[in-house]
Amino acid sequence: MYKGLLLIILVLAVSGCTSNHHSRHGANHSGSGDVIIDTQGVDMQQYHQDMGDCQSFAAQVPVAEKATTTAVGGAVLGGVLGAIVGNSSTAAKGAGVGAVTGGLKGTSSGYRERDRVVKNCLRGRGYRVLN
């Protein structure tokens, strides 16, 4: 059971770290992904300022909280399923696998939401987002 709890803590720590990784432009990755815009007639200096603003809005999406919530849900579900099909050892392993899987799913979901926020923000500012 302690291994399952340790895995949950590890997932939470990793998900907290992933919310601070950087994009290829060196800016805080808050959802910019690989946004492709039609640059015809675009003032690129203004675009970079707008992109920074949009990334700030996207940073409000709680990626770590989404990872935590889904990790806990995955741990509970995995533990219950493990207990049904086996014993306490199987339940602990199921909880650990569920926590890791849930944490990864929540983190991925959070970053996809950040990408949507950035793209919607840029569209709202008049850019033609192509992807």
Protein backbone atom coordinates (compact mmCIF):
# COMPACT_ATOMS: atom_id res chain seq x y z
CA MET A 1 0.00 0.00 0.00
CA TYR A 2 2.90 2.36 0.71
CA LYS A 3 4.19 1.89 -2.83
CA GLY A 4 0.83 3.03 -4.20
CA LEU A 5 0.91 6.12 -1.99
CA LEU A 6 4.50 6.78 -3.04
CA LEU A 7 3.48 6.60 -6.71
CA ILE A 8 0.68 9.10 -6.10
CA ILE A 9 3.11 11.50 -4.48
CA LEU A 10 5.55 11.01 -7.36
CA VAL A 11 2.85 11.76 -9.94
CA LEU A 12 1.86 14.92 -8.09
CA ALA A 13 5.47 16.08 -7.93
CA VAL A 14 6.06 15.39 -11.62
CA SER A 15 2.82 17.08 -12.66
CA GLY A 16 3.85 20.17 -10.71
CA CYS A 17 7.15 20.24 -12.55
CA THR A 18 5.61 19.79 -15.98
CA SER A 19 3.55 22.96 -15.56
CA ASN A 20 6.81 24.93 -15.72
CA HIS A 21 8.47 23.49 -18.82
CA HIS A 22 9.40 25.83 -21.65
CA SER A 23 8.33 26.08 -25.26
CA ARG A 24 10.79 26.22 -28.10
CA HIS A 25 10.74 30.03 -27.94
CA GLY A 26 12.01 30.10 -24.37
CA ALA A 27 8.77 31.50 -22.96
CA ASN A 28 6.84 29.87 -20.17
CA HIS A 29 4.79 27.10 -21.77
CA SER A 30 1.33 28.11 -20.85
CA GLY A 31 -0.38 26.72 -23.87
CA SER A 32 1.32 28.18 -26.91
CA GLY A 33 2.15 24.77 -28.37
CA ASP A 34 2.95 25.19 -32.02
CA VAL A 35 0.46 27.86 -32.99
CA ILE A 36 0.50 28.53 -36.71
CA ILE A 37 -0.93 31.81 -37.92
CA ASP A 38 -1.23 33.40 -41.34
CA THR A 39 1.45 36.10 -41.06
CA GLN A 40 0.37 38.08 -44.11
CA GLY A 41 -0.13 41.68 -42.98
CA VAL A 42 0.70 40.85 -39.34
CA ASP A 43 2.86 43.16 -37.22
CA MET A 44 5.07 40.49 -35.65
CA GLN A 45 6.07 42.70 -32.73
CA GLN A 46 2.39 43.13 -31.85
CA TYR A 47 1.82 39.41 -32.40
CA HIS A 48 4.52 38.51 -29.88
CA GLN A 49 2.99 40.91 -27.36
CA ASP A 50 -0.46 39.42 -27.96
CA MET A 51 0.96 35.89 -27.71
CA GLY A 52 2.45 36.77 -24.32
CA ASP A 53 -0.90 38.10 -23.14
CA CYS A 54 -2.71 35.00 -24.38
CA GLN A 55 -0.17 32.73 -22.70
CA SER A 56 -0.80 34.58 -19.45
CA PHE A 57 -4.51 33.82 -19.75
CA ALA A 58 -3.75 30.17 -20.57
CA ALA A 59 -1.49 29.89 -17.52
CA GLN A 60 -4.65 30.23 -15.44
CA VAL A 61 -5.71 26.73 -16.52
CA PRO A 62 -4.89 24.60 -13.44
CA VAL A 63 -2.83 21.79 -15.03
CA ALA A 64 -1.42 20.52 -11.74
CA GLU A 65 -4.86 20.45 -10.16
CA LYS A 66 -6.27 18.49 -13.12
CA ALA A 67 -3.40 16.01 -12.81
CA THR A 68 -3.98 15.66 -9.07
CA THR A 69 -7.71 15.13 -9.42
CA THR A 70 -7.37 12.49 -12.10
CA ALA A 71 -4.46 10.82 -10.28
CA VAL A 72 -6.54 10.46 -7.14
CA GLY A 73 -9.53 9.20 -9.13
CA GLY A 74 -7.30 6.74 -10.97
CA ALA A 75 -5.78 5.53 -7.71
CA VAL A 76 -9.19 4.91 -6.18
CA LEU A 77 -10.49 3.10 -9.25
CA GLY A 78 -7.28 1.09 -9.66
CA GLY A 79 -7.30 0.16 -5.98
CA VAL A 80 -10.92 -0.96 -6.08
CA LEU A 81 -10.38 -3.03 -9.22
CA GLY A 82 -7.21 -4.51 -7.77
CA ALA A 83 -9.06 -5.47 -4.58
CA ILE A 84 -11.87 -7.09 -6.57
CA VAL A 85 -9.57 -9.27 -8.67
CA GLY A 86 -6.89 -9.96 -6.07
CA ASN A 87 -5.65 -9.14 -2.61
CA SER A 88 -4.19 -6.08 -0.84
CA SER A 89 -0.99 -6.32 -2.85
CA THR A 90 -2.94 -6.31 -6.11
CA ALA A 91 -5.04 -3.40 -4.82
CA ALA A 92 -1.89 -1.38 -4.04
CA LYS A 93 -0.45 -2.09 -7.49
CA GLY A 94 -3.76 -1.18 -9.11
CA ALA A 95 -3.86 2.08 -7.16
CA GLY A 96 -0.33 2.92 -8.26
CA VAL A 97 -1.02 2.21 -11.92
CA GLY A 98 -4.30 4.13 -11.72
CA ALA A 99 -2.59 7.12 -10.12
CA VAL A 100 0.13 7.31 -12.76
CA THR A 101 -2.31 6.83 -15.63
CA GLY A 102 -4.76 9.34 -14.20
CA GLY A 103 -2.03 11.90 -13.52
CA LEU A 104 -0.71 11.67 -17.07
CA LYS A 105 -4.21 11.95 -18.51
CA GLY A 106 -4.99 15.01 -16.37
CA THR A 107 -1.72 16.72 -17.30
CA SER A 108 -2.32 16.09 -21.00
CA SER A 109 -5.88 17.37 -20.74
CA GLY A 110 -4.70 20.52 -18.98
CA TYR A 111 -2.15 21.33 -21.67
CA ARG A 112 -4.71 20.74 -24.44
CA GLU A 113 -7.02 23.18 -22.68
CA ARG A 114 -4.19 25.74 -22.45
CA ASP A 115 -3.59 25.37 -26.19
CA ARG A 116 -7.29 26.04 -26.84
CA VAL A 117 -7.21 29.14 -24.65
CA VAL A 118 -4.20 30.57 -26.52
CA LYS A 119 -5.72 29.88 -29.95
CA ASN A 120 -9.11 31.31 -28.98
CA CYS A 121 -7.44 34.38 -27.50
CA LEU A 122 -5.43 34.98 -30.69
CA ARG A 123 -8.53 34.50 -32.84
CA GLY A 124 -10.32 37.00 -30.63
CA ARG A 125 -7.54 39.49 -31.33
CA GLY A 126 -8.00 39.07 -35.06
CA TYR A 127 -5.29 36.57 -35.98
CA ARG A 128 -6.02 33.81 -38.47
CA VAL A 129 -5.01 30.68 -36.55
CA LEU A 130 -4.43 27.85 -39.02
CA ASN A 131 -4.15 24.89 -36.66
